[in-house]
Each structure stands twice: as C-alpha cells, then as structure tokens.
Amino acid sequence: MSSSSSSSTKKTTLFISTLIISWYSSNIGVLLLNKFLLSNYGFKFPIFLTMCHMSACAILSYISIVFLKLVPLQSLKSRSQFLKVATLSIVFCASVVGGNISLRYLPVSFNQAVGATTPFFTALFAYLMTLKREAWVTYGALVPVVAGVVIASGGEPGFHWFGFIMCISATAARAFKSVLQGILLSSEGEKLNSMNLMLYMSPIAVVALLPVTLVMEPDVISLTLTLAKQHQYMWILLLVNSVMAYSANLLNFLVTKYTSALTLQVLGNAKGAVAVVISILIFQNPVTVMGIGGYSITVLGVVAYGETKRRFR
C-alpha cells in the first residue's frame, strides 16, 4: 500500500471517529442538560424547552442548507406533501415533549432503558399499519427487549408512574414517526433527506408548540426571567442545550452518510449504555442489580433484533 493511500485511510478513519465522538457528545449532552434543567435546576417547562430546541433546529437548518450548502435544498412540491410533513412534525413534537416531561420524574438511566424498546414499537406499528411481517426469530428477539424493561421497572428505586407513562408514550411516538415517515414519504418524488425534513418540520413544530406552551405553561416567561436573575448562566444553558439538540440531528445525518444505517443502529445501542453510566456518575441516582440486569437484557435484545433483521431481510 502506498504512503499516500495509507495517509488517506488514516484521515478518513480520524474523520469518522471524530464524527462519532461528536455525535455521542451531542446526544448524551442534550439528554443530560435536559435532565439538569428540568429536574435539578428548577426549570420545569418541558414544552417550552422543546420549543427552544425546535426554534434552534429551524434557524440552524436554514443556515446549514441555504447558506453553508451542506446538502442541496429540496422543496416541498405539493400541498399534500406539506400536510404529510406537518403530520410527521406533530408526531415528532409529541415524542420530544413526552421524553422531556419524563425526565422531570425519572432518572436518565431508566429513561434510556425504556427508550431502548423503540424497536418493539417500530415492529408493532409496521405490522399494524403496513402488515409488514418479520421472521419469527426477529419477533422472538423482541421478547427480551420488553422483558428487560419490566425487570428494570421492578428494580428502579426512582420509579414514577406518570414519568413512566410519558416515557413509554414518547418511545411509541418516536417509533410511530419512523414508520409513518416511511409510508408518507415513500414515493421517489416526495423523499426528503433528514436535513431537509428537519428544515420543514421545525418551523411547523414551533407554531404547534407555541399555543400549547401558552396554555400549559402560562408563567414560563416570568418564571424563566426570575430563574435567570438567580442563575447568571441560565440563558447560556438554554442556548447551548438548544444548539446541541440541532447538532445531534445534524451529526446523526452525517454519521449515517459516512458509515451506514446499520452502523448507526449499533452505535445507538452502545450510546444508550454510555449515557446510563455517565448519568449515574453525574446525578448519583441509586441503581440496583435488578435494574442494571433488566437494562442489560433489553440492550442484548435490541442487538439480537438488529442482527436477526439483517440476516433474515
């Protein structure tokens, strides 16, 4: 192998490694910052926080696509396509809001354990909505995914029923969105890459979340200003948190582009485990052997599910 090709390979490896580390950092960072703001900092406004995330995604998506030209701009070609994107945006909002609400009541470690059941809901919705069937071995791999969460729930010292329901709802909504996206944007003429989809979904999400915020969190502005007077870094935390929410989406797209969807899935499984360990170290939330065992079973089930889907496709 020539020295030039060897150097090129090393640069590519370094670039992809940097992407993956950045993706991990942004995903885990926004999760931990959400938990810190909503549960430990006194900022009890999950809907407004989601609106901040979507506002940042709208602005930064526009800059990235229109000015920086990271990807070609794709336009919405019909009213029908707009309505499909709007539907996806509302479902996406529901998943993010539900996830943020659950962080007020649940430790990050348990939140991630419940979130790992996404493949179960994806398979369920895919069957109910498209009658798409997987091999029986693939469905069998989902048994430990669910069983692990049941075990982890029984061993979770900080278990909270409302938080658990919101977390399950958010996980189901996230899976529903992925299946719905495949159905609604399935024709070649309507397909949007994830960057352009975020560009159009984010403003719709902001418009949808604004009235909900005003009704459900009417004191958000006054109480946020009060918090800002008490904590001088309040606005910086909100800004960093919102930018990281966009970075997580951008890096998700880039990691998929330069590796593969399967690699992203494998890395995502590992990311959840890393997030659990870091959250326990930072927030010092109590964990039990039963809880760790349940989460481990779920992760192993997710890995087995991904492998069986690949083999029996």
C-alpha atoms as a PDB file:
ATOM      1  CA  MET A   1       0.000   0.000   0.000  1.00  0.00           C
ATOM      2  CA  SER A   2       1.406   3.423  -0.945  1.00  0.00           C
ATOM      3  CA  SER A   3       2.081   6.054   1.713  1.00  0.00           C
ATOM      4  CA  SER A   4      -0.496   8.418   0.129  1.00  0.00           C
ATOM      5  CA  SER A   5      -3.335   5.866   0.276  1.00  0.00           C
ATOM      6  CA  SER A   6      -2.326   4.924   3.824  1.00  0.00           C
ATOM      7  CA  SER A   7      -2.426   8.598   4.819  1.00  0.00           C
ATOM      8  CA  SER A   8      -5.828   8.995   3.150  1.00  0.00           C
ATOM      9  CA  THR A   9      -7.203   5.969   5.043  1.00  0.00           C
ATOM     10  CA  LYS A  10      -5.936   7.368   8.343  1.00  0.00           C
ATOM     11  CA  LYS A  11      -7.542  10.746   7.626  1.00  0.00           C
ATOM     12  CA  THR A  12     -10.866   9.073   6.760  1.00  0.00           C
ATOM     13  CA  THR A  13     -10.732   6.966   9.923  1.00  0.00           C
ATOM     14  CA  LEU A  14      -9.907  10.034  12.018  1.00  0.00           C
ATOM     15  CA  PHE A  15     -12.751  11.996  10.393  1.00  0.00           C
ATOM     16  CA  ILE A  16     -15.351   9.259  11.003  1.00  0.00           C
ATOM     17  CA  SER A  17     -14.078   8.722  14.573  1.00  0.00           C
ATOM     18  CA  THR A  18     -14.409  12.461  15.247  1.00  0.00           C
ATOM     19  CA  LEU A  19     -17.944  12.420  13.820  1.00  0.00           C
ATOM     20  CA  ILE A  20     -18.962   9.514  16.045  1.00  0.00           C
ATOM     21  CA  ILE A  21     -17.435  11.071  19.183  1.00  0.00           C
ATOM     22  CA  SER A  22     -19.148  14.387  18.390  1.00  0.00           C
ATOM     23  CA  TRP A  23     -22.465  12.567  17.795  1.00  0.00           C
ATOM     24  CA  TYR A  24     -22.156  10.755  21.118  1.00  0.00           C
ATOM     25  CA  SER A  25     -21.242  14.000  22.895  1.00  0.00           C
ATOM     26  CA  SER A  26     -24.151  15.991  21.468  1.00  0.00           C
ATOM     27  CA  ASN A  27     -26.750  13.247  22.046  1.00  0.00           C
ATOM     28  CA  ILE A  28     -25.661  12.461  25.585  1.00  0.00           C
ATOM     29  CA  GLY A  29     -25.012  16.145  26.302  1.00  0.00           C
ATOM     30  CA  VAL A  30     -28.507  17.298  25.352  1.00  0.00           C
ATOM     31  CA  LEU A  31     -30.034  14.412  27.335  1.00  0.00           C
ATOM     32  CA  LEU A  32     -28.060  15.270  30.486  1.00  0.00           C
ATOM     33  CA  LEU A  33     -28.672  19.013  30.090  1.00  0.00           C
ATOM     34  CA  ASN A  34     -32.406  18.353  29.683  1.00  0.00           C
ATOM     35  CA  LYS A  35     -32.369  16.368  32.914  1.00  0.00           C
ATOM     36  CA  PHE A  36     -30.329  19.035  34.706  1.00  0.00           C
ATOM     37  CA  LEU A  37     -32.603  21.882  33.602  1.00  0.00           C
ATOM     38  CA  LEU A  38     -35.916  20.091  34.146  1.00  0.00           C
ATOM     39  CA  SER A  39     -35.172  18.171  37.312  1.00  0.00           C
ATOM     40  CA  ASN A  40     -32.226  19.730  39.140  1.00  0.00           C
ATOM     41  CA  TYR A  41     -32.239  23.377  38.074  1.00  0.00           C
ATOM     42  CA  GLY A  42     -35.859  24.273  38.756  1.00  0.00           C
ATOM     43  CA  PHE A  43     -36.722  24.949  35.086  1.00  0.00           C
ATOM     44  CA  LYS A  44     -39.979  22.985  34.980  1.00  0.00           C
ATOM     45  CA  PHE A  45     -41.095  23.819  31.446  1.00  0.00           C
ATOM     46  CA  PRO A  46     -40.606  20.788  29.161  1.00  0.00           C
ATOM     47  CA  ILE A  47     -42.907  22.112  26.412  1.00  0.00           C
ATOM     48  CA  PHE A  48     -41.135  25.478  26.246  1.00  0.00           C
ATOM     49  CA  LEU A  49     -37.778  23.674  26.278  1.00  0.00           C
ATOM     50  CA  THR A  50     -38.901  21.597  23.291  1.00  0.00           C
ATOM     51  CA  MET A  51     -39.972  24.800  21.527  1.00  0.00           C
ATOM     52  CA  CYS A  52     -36.472  26.238  22.127  1.00  0.00           C
ATOM     53  CA  HIS A  53     -34.978  23.081  20.575  1.00  0.00           C
ATOM     54  CA  MET A  54     -37.252  23.310  17.538  1.00  0.00           C
ATOM     55  CA  SER A  55     -36.526  27.040  17.098  1.00  0.00           C
ATOM     56  CA  ALA A  56     -32.782  26.330  17.063  1.00  0.00           C
ATOM     57  CA  CYS A  57     -33.317  23.474  14.599  1.00  0.00           C
ATOM     58  CA  ALA A  58     -35.339  25.740  12.293  1.00  0.00           C
ATOM     59  CA  ILE A  59     -32.758  28.557  12.273  1.00  0.00           C
ATOM     60  CA  LEU A  60     -29.640  26.366  12.081  1.00  0.00           C
ATOM     61  CA  SER A  61     -31.166  24.053   9.449  1.00  0.00           C
ATOM     62  CA  TYR A  62     -31.839  27.070   7.258  1.00  0.00           C
ATOM     63  CA  ILE A  63     -28.271  28.345   7.704  1.00  0.00           C
ATOM     64  CA  SER A  64     -26.765  24.887   7.079  1.00  0.00           C
ATOM     65  CA  ILE A  65     -28.736  24.215   3.896  1.00  0.00           C
ATOM     66  CA  VAL A  66     -29.289  27.646   2.323  1.00  0.00           C
ATOM     67  CA  PHE A  67     -26.021  29.401   3.246  1.00  0.00           C
ATOM     68  CA  LEU A  68     -23.494  26.665   4.057  1.00  0.00           C
ATOM     69  CA  LYS A  69     -24.994  24.317   1.432  1.00  0.00           C
ATOM     70  CA  LEU A  70     -24.199  21.154   3.433  1.00  0.00           C
ATOM     71  CA  VAL A  71     -26.873  19.397   1.365  1.00  0.00           C
ATOM     72  CA  PRO A  72     -28.893  20.567  -1.673  1.00  0.00           C
ATOM     73  CA  LEU A  73     -32.141  22.337  -0.820  1.00  0.00           C
ATOM     74  CA  GLN A  74     -35.194  20.165  -1.532  1.00  0.00           C
ATOM     75  CA  SER A  75     -38.516  21.939  -1.935  1.00  0.00           C
ATOM     76  CA  LEU A  76     -41.983  20.790  -0.961  1.00  0.00           C
ATOM     77  CA  LYS A  77     -43.751  20.094  -4.234  1.00  0.00           C
ATOM     78  CA  SER A  78     -47.407  19.988  -3.236  1.00  0.00           C
ATOM     79  CA  ARG A  79     -49.924  20.769  -0.530  1.00  0.00           C
ATOM     80  CA  SER A  80     -50.243  17.044   0.046  1.00  0.00           C
ATOM     81  CA  GLN A  81     -46.533  16.735   0.766  1.00  0.00           C
ATOM     82  CA  PHE A  82     -46.718  19.727   3.149  1.00  0.00           C
ATOM     83  CA  LEU A  83     -49.570  18.072   5.081  1.00  0.00           C
ATOM     84  CA  LYS A  84     -47.530  14.866   5.345  1.00  0.00           C
ATOM     85  CA  VAL A  85     -44.527  16.741   6.706  1.00  0.00           C
ATOM     86  CA  ALA A  86     -46.801  18.640   9.123  1.00  0.00           C
ATOM     87  CA  THR A  87     -48.226  15.339  10.389  1.00  0.00           C
ATOM     88  CA  LEU A  88     -44.720  13.999  10.967  1.00  0.00           C
ATOM     89  CA  SER A  89     -43.806  17.224  12.764  1.00  0.00           C
ATOM     90  CA  ILE A  90     -46.720  16.932  15.209  1.00  0.00           C
ATOM     91  CA  VAL A  91     -45.873  13.286  15.999  1.00  0.00           C
ATOM     92  CA  PHE A  92     -42.198  14.220  16.407  1.00  0.00           C
ATOM     93  CA  CYS A  93     -43.186  17.046  18.796  1.00  0.00           C
ATOM     94  CA  ALA A  94     -45.230  14.634  20.865  1.00  0.00           C
ATOM     95  CA  SER A  95     -42.262  12.276  21.195  1.00  0.00           C
ATOM     96  CA  VAL A  96     -39.828  15.040  22.232  1.00  0.00           C
ATOM     97  CA  VAL A  97     -42.259  16.685  24.669  1.00  0.00           C
ATOM     98  CA  GLY A  98     -43.106  13.308  26.229  1.00  0.00           C
ATOM     99  CA  GLY A  99     -39.424  12.486  26.601  1.00  0.00           C
ATOM    100  CA  ASN A 100     -38.673  15.853  28.214  1.00  0.00           C
ATOM    101  CA  ILE A 101     -41.627  15.543  30.610  1.00  0.00           C
ATOM    102  CA  SER A 102     -40.464  12.066  31.649  1.00  0.00           C
ATOM    103  CA  LEU A 103     -37.035  13.472  32.571  1.00  0.00           C
ATOM    104  CA  ARG A 104     -38.706  15.559  35.281  1.00  0.00           C
ATOM    105  CA  TYR A 105     -39.739  12.375  37.073  1.00  0.00           C
ATOM    106  CA  LEU A 106     -37.349   9.600  36.012  1.00  0.00           C
ATOM    107  CA  PRO A 107     -33.572   9.131  36.191  1.00  0.00           C
ATOM    108  CA  VAL A 108     -31.768   9.284  32.834  1.00  0.00           C
ATOM    109  CA  SER A 109     -30.677   5.665  33.281  1.00  0.00           C
ATOM    110  CA  PHE A 110     -34.265   4.389  33.467  1.00  0.00           C
ATOM    111  CA  ASN A 111     -35.370   6.792  30.725  1.00  0.00           C
ATOM    112  CA  GLN A 112     -32.777   5.198  28.436  1.00  0.00           C
ATOM    113  CA  ALA A 113     -33.872   1.689  29.413  1.00  0.00           C
ATOM    114  CA  VAL A 114     -37.452   2.455  28.384  1.00  0.00           C
ATOM    115  CA  GLY A 115     -36.250   4.248  25.231  1.00  0.00           C
ATOM    116  CA  ALA A 116     -34.398   1.101  24.165  1.00  0.00           C
ATOM    117  CA  THR A 117     -37.775  -0.551  23.483  1.00  0.00           C
ATOM    118  CA  THR A 118     -38.177   1.595  20.322  1.00  0.00           C
ATOM    119  CA  PRO A 119     -37.616  -1.453  18.024  1.00  0.00           C
ATOM    120  CA  PHE A 120     -40.555  -3.232  19.696  1.00  0.00           C
ATOM    121  CA  PHE A 121     -42.943  -0.352  18.927  1.00  0.00           C
ATOM    122  CA  THR A 122     -41.480   0.091  15.442  1.00  0.00           C
ATOM    123  CA  ALA A 123     -42.135  -3.578  14.625  1.00  0.00           C
ATOM    124  CA  LEU A 124     -45.646  -3.316  16.119  1.00  0.00           C
ATOM    125  CA  PHE A 125     -46.619  -0.197  14.150  1.00  0.00           C
ATOM    126  CA  ALA A 126     -45.021  -1.541  10.959  1.00  0.00           C
ATOM    127  CA  TYR A 127     -47.226  -4.632  11.224  1.00  0.00           C
ATOM    128  CA  LEU A 128     -50.425  -2.746  12.166  1.00  0.00           C
ATOM    129  CA  MET A 129     -50.018  -0.035   9.514  1.00  0.00           C
ATOM    130  CA  THR A 130     -48.413  -1.889   6.602  1.00  0.00           C
ATOM    131  CA  LEU A 131     -48.979  -5.573   7.506  1.00  0.00           C
ATOM    132  CA  LYS A 132     -45.220  -5.954   7.083  1.00  0.00           C
ATOM    133  CA  ARG A 133     -44.100  -9.161   8.778  1.00  0.00           C
ATOM    134  CA  GLU A 134     -40.658 -10.075  10.004  1.00  0.00           C
ATOM    135  CA  ALA A 135     -39.232 -13.584  10.506  1.00  0.00           C
ATOM    136  CA  TRP A 136     -40.450 -15.250  13.719  1.00  0.00           C
ATOM    137  CA  VAL A 137     -36.856 -15.216  15.015  1.00  0.00           C
ATOM    138  CA  THR A 138     -36.866 -11.426  14.709  1.00  0.00           C
ATOM    139  CA  TYR A 139     -40.044 -11.133  16.766  1.00  0.00           C
ATOM    140  CA  GLY A 140     -38.558 -13.579  19.261  1.00  0.00           C
ATOM    141  CA  ALA A 141     -35.641 -11.186  19.786  1.00  0.00           C
ATOM    142  CA  LEU A 142     -38.127  -8.529  20.944  1.00  0.00           C
ATOM    143  CA  VAL A 143     -39.167 -10.629  23.957  1.00  0.00           C
ATOM    144  CA  PRO A 144     -36.032  -9.782  25.990  1.00  0.00           C
ATOM    145  CA  VAL A 145     -36.356  -6.139  24.874  1.00  0.00           C
ATOM    146  CA  VAL A 146     -39.686  -5.848  26.688  1.00  0.00           C
ATOM    147  CA  ALA A 147     -38.854  -8.307  29.481  1.00  0.00           C
ATOM    148  CA  GLY A 148     -35.724  -6.319  30.355  1.00  0.00           C
ATOM    149  CA  VAL A 149     -37.727  -3.110  30.865  1.00  0.00           C
ATOM    150  CA  VAL A 150     -40.274  -4.952  33.026  1.00  0.00           C
ATOM    151  CA  ILE A 151     -37.402  -6.250  35.195  1.00  0.00           C
ATOM    152  CA  ALA A 152     -35.715  -2.817  35.261  1.00  0.00           C
ATOM    153  CA  SER A 153     -39.025  -1.192  36.307  1.00  0.00           C
ATOM    154  CA  GLY A 154     -39.323  -3.521  39.275  1.00  0.00           C
ATOM    155  CA  GLY A 155     -35.770  -2.717  40.329  1.00  0.00           C
ATOM    156  CA  GLU A 156     -35.914   1.060  39.796  1.00  0.00           C
ATOM    157  CA  PRO A 157     -35.804   2.987  43.133  1.00  0.00           C
ATOM    158  CA  GLY A 158     -36.920   6.223  41.423  1.00  0.00           C
ATOM    159  CA  PHE A 159     -39.844   4.688  39.529  1.00  0.00           C
ATOM    160  CA  HIS A 160     -42.675   7.154  38.905  1.00  0.00           C
ATOM    161  CA  TRP A 161     -45.870   6.046  37.162  1.00  0.00           C
ATOM    162  CA  PHE A 162     -46.623   9.324  35.358  1.00  0.00           C
ATOM    163  CA  GLY A 163     -42.994   9.660  34.243  1.00  0.00           C
ATOM    164  CA  PHE A 164     -43.035   6.039  33.046  1.00  0.00           C
ATOM    165  CA  ILE A 165     -46.253   6.552  31.051  1.00  0.00           C
ATOM    166  CA  MET A 166     -44.826   9.692  29.414  1.00  0.00           C
ATOM    167  CA  CYS A 167     -41.577   7.889  28.590  1.00  0.00           C
ATOM    168  CA  ILE A 168     -43.396   4.922  27.032  1.00  0.00           C
ATOM    169  CA  SER A 169     -45.641   7.328  25.096  1.00  0.00           C
ATOM    170  CA  ALA A 170     -42.589   9.227  23.809  1.00  0.00           C
ATOM    171  CA  THR A 171     -40.906   5.994  22.760  1.00  0.00           C
ATOM    172  CA  ALA A 172     -44.049   4.807  20.957  1.00  0.00           C
ATOM    173  CA  ALA A 173     -44.448   8.202  19.240  1.00  0.00           C
ATOM    174  CA  ARG A 174     -40.817   8.080  18.065  1.00  0.00           C
ATOM    175  CA  ALA A 175     -41.382   4.622  16.555  1.00  0.00           C
ATOM    176  CA  PHE A 176     -44.706   5.701  15.046  1.00  0.00           C
ATOM    177  CA  LYS A 177     -42.977   8.692  13.405  1.00  0.00           C
ATOM    178  CA  SER A 178     -40.334   6.489  11.775  1.00  0.00           C
ATOM    179  CA  VAL A 179     -42.968   4.104  10.354  1.00  0.00           C
ATOM    180  CA  LEU A 180     -45.222   6.994   9.308  1.00  0.00           C
ATOM    181  CA  GLN A 181     -42.298   8.695   7.579  1.00  0.00           C
ATOM    182  CA  GLY A 182     -41.656   5.561   5.548  1.00  0.00           C
ATOM    183  CA  ILE A 183     -45.301   5.466   4.455  1.00  0.00           C
ATOM    184  CA  LEU A 184     -45.931   9.166   3.815  1.00  0.00           C
ATOM    185  CA  LEU A 185     -42.665   9.950   2.036  1.00  0.00           C
ATOM    186  CA  SER A 186     -42.264   6.625   0.266  1.00  0.00           C
ATOM    187  CA  SER A 187     -42.579   7.870  -3.342  1.00  0.00           C
ATOM    188  CA  GLU A 188     -39.347   8.943  -5.051  1.00  0.00           C
ATOM    189  CA  GLY A 189     -40.775  12.375  -5.782  1.00  0.00           C
ATOM    190  CA  GLU A 190     -41.546  13.081  -2.127  1.00  0.00           C
ATOM    191  CA  LYS A 191     -38.471  11.688  -0.396  1.00  0.00           C
ATOM    192  CA  LEU A 192     -36.593  14.228   1.720  1.00  0.00           C
ATOM    193  CA  ASN A 193     -33.233  13.642   3.379  1.00  0.00           C
ATOM    194  CA  SER A 194     -33.224  14.099   7.152  1.00  0.00           C
ATOM    195  CA  MET A 195     -31.633  17.566   6.954  1.00  0.00           C
ATOM    196  CA  ASN A 196     -34.336  18.954   4.651  1.00  0.00           C
ATOM    197  CA  LEU A 197     -37.049  17.152   6.614  1.00  0.00           C
ATOM    198  CA  MET A 198     -35.820  18.899   9.775  1.00  0.00           C
ATOM    199  CA  LEU A 199     -35.788  22.236   7.895  1.00  0.00           C
ATOM    200  CA  TYR A 200     -39.516  21.937   7.157  1.00  0.00           C
ATOM    201  CA  MET A 201     -40.614  20.124  10.321  1.00  0.00           C
ATOM    202  CA  SER A 202     -39.011  22.523  12.822  1.00  0.00           C
ATOM    203  CA  PRO A 203     -40.978  25.725  11.999  1.00  0.00           C
ATOM    204  CA  ILE A 204     -44.225  23.736  11.947  1.00  0.00           C
ATOM    205  CA  ALA A 205     -43.305  22.325  15.366  1.00  0.00           C
ATOM    206  CA  VAL A 206     -42.652  25.822  16.759  1.00  0.00           C
ATOM    207  CA  VAL A 207     -46.034  27.069  15.506  1.00  0.00           C
ATOM    208  CA  ALA A 208     -47.772  23.996  17.001  1.00  0.00           C
ATOM    209  CA  LEU A 209     -45.955  24.245  20.342  1.00  0.00           C
ATOM    210  CA  LEU A 210     -46.478  27.984  20.908  1.00  0.00           C
ATOM    211  CA  PRO A 211     -50.207  27.861  21.820  1.00  0.00           C
ATOM    212  CA  VAL A 212     -49.667  24.656  23.827  1.00  0.00           C
ATOM    213  CA  THR A 213     -46.913  26.399  25.802  1.00  0.00           C
ATOM    214  CA  LEU A 214     -49.099  29.454  26.473  1.00  0.00           C
ATOM    215  CA  VAL A 215     -51.941  27.257  27.757  1.00  0.00           C
ATOM    216  CA  MET A 216     -49.980  24.567  29.641  1.00  0.00           C
ATOM    217  CA  GLU A 217     -47.093  26.747  30.880  1.00  0.00           C
ATOM    218  CA  PRO A 218     -48.558  30.288  31.116  1.00  0.00           C
ATOM    219  CA  ASP A 219     -45.950  31.531  33.632  1.00  0.00           C
ATOM    220  CA  VAL A 220     -42.944  30.333  31.642  1.00  0.00           C
ATOM    221  CA  ILE A 221     -41.612  33.793  30.692  1.00  0.00           C
ATOM    222  CA  SER A 222     -41.877  35.395  34.144  1.00  0.00           C
ATOM    223  CA  LEU A 223     -40.506  32.350  35.967  1.00  0.00           C
ATOM    224  CA  THR A 224     -37.695  31.927  33.433  1.00  0.00           C
ATOM    225  CA  LEU A 225     -36.713  35.594  33.936  1.00  0.00           C
ATOM    226  CA  THR A 226     -36.764  35.031  37.700  1.00  0.00           C
ATOM    227  CA  LEU A 227     -34.537  31.974  37.321  1.00  0.00           C
ATOM    228  CA  ALA A 228     -32.217  33.958  35.062  1.00  0.00           C
ATOM    229  CA  LYS A 229     -31.755  36.557  37.820  1.00  0.00           C
ATOM    230  CA  GLN A 230     -30.928  33.801  40.328  1.00  0.00           C
ATOM    231  CA  HIS A 231     -28.620  31.879  37.975  1.00  0.00           C
ATOM    232  CA  GLN A 232     -26.420  34.022  35.722  1.00  0.00           C
ATOM    233  CA  TYR A 233     -25.770  31.145  33.280  1.00  0.00           C
ATOM    234  CA  MET A 234     -29.462  30.397  32.677  1.00  0.00           C
ATOM    235  CA  TRP A 235     -29.631  31.796  29.119  1.00  0.00           C
ATOM    236  CA  ILE A 236     -26.279  30.260  28.186  1.00  0.00           C
ATOM    237  CA  LEU A 237     -27.504  26.827  29.335  1.00  0.00           C
ATOM    238  CA  LEU A 238     -30.705  27.188  27.295  1.00  0.00           C
ATOM    239  CA  LEU A 239     -28.760  28.332  24.226  1.00  0.00           C
ATOM    240  CA  VAL A 240     -26.166  25.541  24.487  1.00  0.00           C
ATOM    241  CA  ASN A 241     -28.907  22.981  25.093  1.00  0.00           C
ATOM    242  CA  SER A 242     -30.858  24.126  22.007  1.00  0.00           C
ATOM    243  CA  VAL A 243     -27.779  24.175  19.758  1.00  0.00           C
ATOM    244  CA  MET A 244     -26.821  20.690  20.965  1.00  0.00           C
ATOM    245  CA  ALA A 245     -30.330  19.470  20.061  1.00  0.00           C
ATOM    246  CA  TYR A 246     -29.712  20.577  16.488  1.00  0.00           C
ATOM    247  CA  SER A 247     -26.158  19.199  16.494  1.00  0.00           C
ATOM    248  CA  ALA A 248     -27.490  15.784  17.487  1.00  0.00           C
ATOM    249  CA  ASN A 249     -29.746  15.750  14.399  1.00  0.00           C
ATOM    250  CA  LEU A 250     -27.022  17.082  12.080  1.00  0.00           C
ATOM    251  CA  LEU A 251     -24.421  14.579  13.298  1.00  0.00           C
ATOM    252  CA  ASN A 252     -26.961  11.756  13.113  1.00  0.00           C
ATOM    253  CA  PHE A 253     -27.335  12.554   9.412  1.00  0.00           C
ATOM    254  CA  LEU A 254     -23.564  12.810   8.860  1.00  0.00           C
ATOM    255  CA  VAL A 255     -22.753   9.555  10.697  1.00  0.00           C
ATOM    256  CA  THR A 256     -25.357   7.732   8.580  1.00  0.00           C
ATOM    257  CA  LYS A 257     -23.985   9.339   5.407  1.00  0.00           C
ATOM    258  CA  TYR A 258     -20.356   8.377   6.049  1.00  0.00           C
ATOM    259  CA  THR A 259     -20.980   4.939   7.621  1.00  0.00           C
ATOM    260  CA  SER A 260     -24.354   3.188   7.242  1.00  0.00           C
ATOM    261  CA  ALA A 261     -27.792   2.920   8.847  1.00  0.00           C
ATOM    262  CA  LEU A 262     -26.764  -0.406  10.421  1.00  0.00           C
ATOM    263  CA  THR A 263     -23.629   1.148  11.941  1.00  0.00           C
ATOM    264  CA  LEU A 264     -25.769   3.960  13.313  1.00  0.00           C
ATOM    265  CA  GLN A 265     -28.100   1.414  14.926  1.00  0.00           C
ATOM    266  CA  VAL A 266     -25.193  -0.444  16.568  1.00  0.00           C
ATOM    267  CA  LEU A 267     -23.630   2.818  17.753  1.00  0.00           C
ATOM    268  CA  GLY A 268     -27.021   3.929  19.063  1.00  0.00           C
ATOM    269  CA  ASN A 269     -27.294   0.819  21.240  1.00  0.00           C
ATOM    270  CA  ALA A 270     -23.866   1.487  22.706  1.00  0.00           C
ATOM    271  CA  LYS A 271     -24.705   5.193  23.145  1.00  0.00           C
ATOM    272  CA  GLY A 272     -27.600   4.333  25.433  1.00  0.00           C
ATOM    273  CA  ALA A 273     -25.318   2.292  27.687  1.00  0.00           C
ATOM    274  CA  VAL A 274     -22.735   5.106  27.770  1.00  0.00           C
ATOM    275  CA  ALA A 275     -25.470   7.644  28.629  1.00  0.00           C
ATOM    276  CA  VAL A 276     -26.646   5.435  31.508  1.00  0.00           C
ATOM    277  CA  VAL A 277     -23.160   5.160  33.016  1.00  0.00           C
ATOM    278  CA  ILE A 278     -22.420   8.887  32.672  1.00  0.00           C
ATOM    279  CA  SER A 279     -25.806   9.911  34.106  1.00  0.00           C
ATOM    280  CA  ILE A 280     -25.341   7.669  37.145  1.00  0.00           C
ATOM    281  CA  LEU A 281     -21.880   9.168  37.748  1.00  0.00           C
ATOM    282  CA  ILE A 282     -23.155  12.755  37.399  1.00  0.00           C
ATOM    283  CA  PHE A 283     -26.571  12.626  39.105  1.00  0.00           C
ATOM    284  CA  GLN A 284     -25.688   9.870  41.590  1.00  0.00           C
ATOM    285  CA  ASN A 285     -29.134   8.316  41.247  1.00  0.00           C
ATOM    286  CA  PRO A 286     -29.381   4.978  43.070  1.00  0.00           C
ATOM    287  CA  VAL A 287     -29.399   1.838  40.940  1.00  0.00           C
ATOM    288  CA  THR A 288     -29.984  -1.796  41.835  1.00  0.00           C
ATOM    289  CA  VAL A 289     -28.529  -5.021  40.495  1.00  0.00           C
ATOM    290  CA  MET A 290     -32.045  -5.875  39.296  1.00  0.00           C
ATOM    291  CA  GLY A 291     -32.277  -2.575  37.388  1.00  0.00           C
ATOM    292  CA  ILE A 292     -28.861  -2.999  35.755  1.00  0.00           C
ATOM    293  CA  GLY A 293     -29.718  -6.600  34.864  1.00  0.00           C
ATOM    294  CA  GLY A 294     -33.030  -5.572  33.282  1.00  0.00           C
ATOM    295  CA  TYR A 295     -31.420  -2.844  31.191  1.00  0.00           C
ATOM    296  CA  SER A 296     -28.646  -5.232  30.086  1.00  0.00           C
ATOM    297  CA  ILE A 297     -31.253  -7.768  28.936  1.00  0.00           C
ATOM    298  CA  THR A 298     -33.036  -5.032  26.948  1.00  0.00           C
ATOM    299  CA  VAL A 299     -29.817  -3.910  25.230  1.00  0.00           C
ATOM    300  CA  LEU A 300     -28.910  -7.507  24.350  1.00  0.00           C
ATOM    301  CA  GLY A 301     -32.416  -7.979  22.947  1.00  0.00           C
ATOM    302  CA  VAL A 302     -32.055  -4.840  20.803  1.00  0.00           C
ATOM    303  CA  VAL A 303     -28.697  -6.088  19.473  1.00  0.00           C
ATOM    304  CA  ALA A 304     -30.212  -9.502  18.701  1.00  0.00           C
ATOM    305  CA  TYR A 305     -33.188  -7.834  16.988  1.00  0.00           C
ATOM    306  CA  GLY A 306     -30.905  -5.786  14.741  1.00  0.00           C
ATOM    307  CA  GLU A 307     -28.830  -8.850  13.855  1.00  0.00           C
ATOM    308  CA  THR A 308     -31.840 -11.042  13.019  1.00  0.00           C
ATOM    309  CA  LYS A 309     -33.352  -8.265  10.868  1.00  0.00           C
ATOM    310  CA  ARG A 310     -30.104  -8.080   8.931  1.00  0.00           C
ATOM    311  CA  ARG A 311     -29.837 -11.860   8.429  1.00  0.00           C
ATOM    312  CA  PHE A 312     -33.466 -12.567   7.579  1.00  0.00           C
ATOM    313  CA  ARG A 313     -34.144  -9.485   5.420  1.00  0.00           C
END
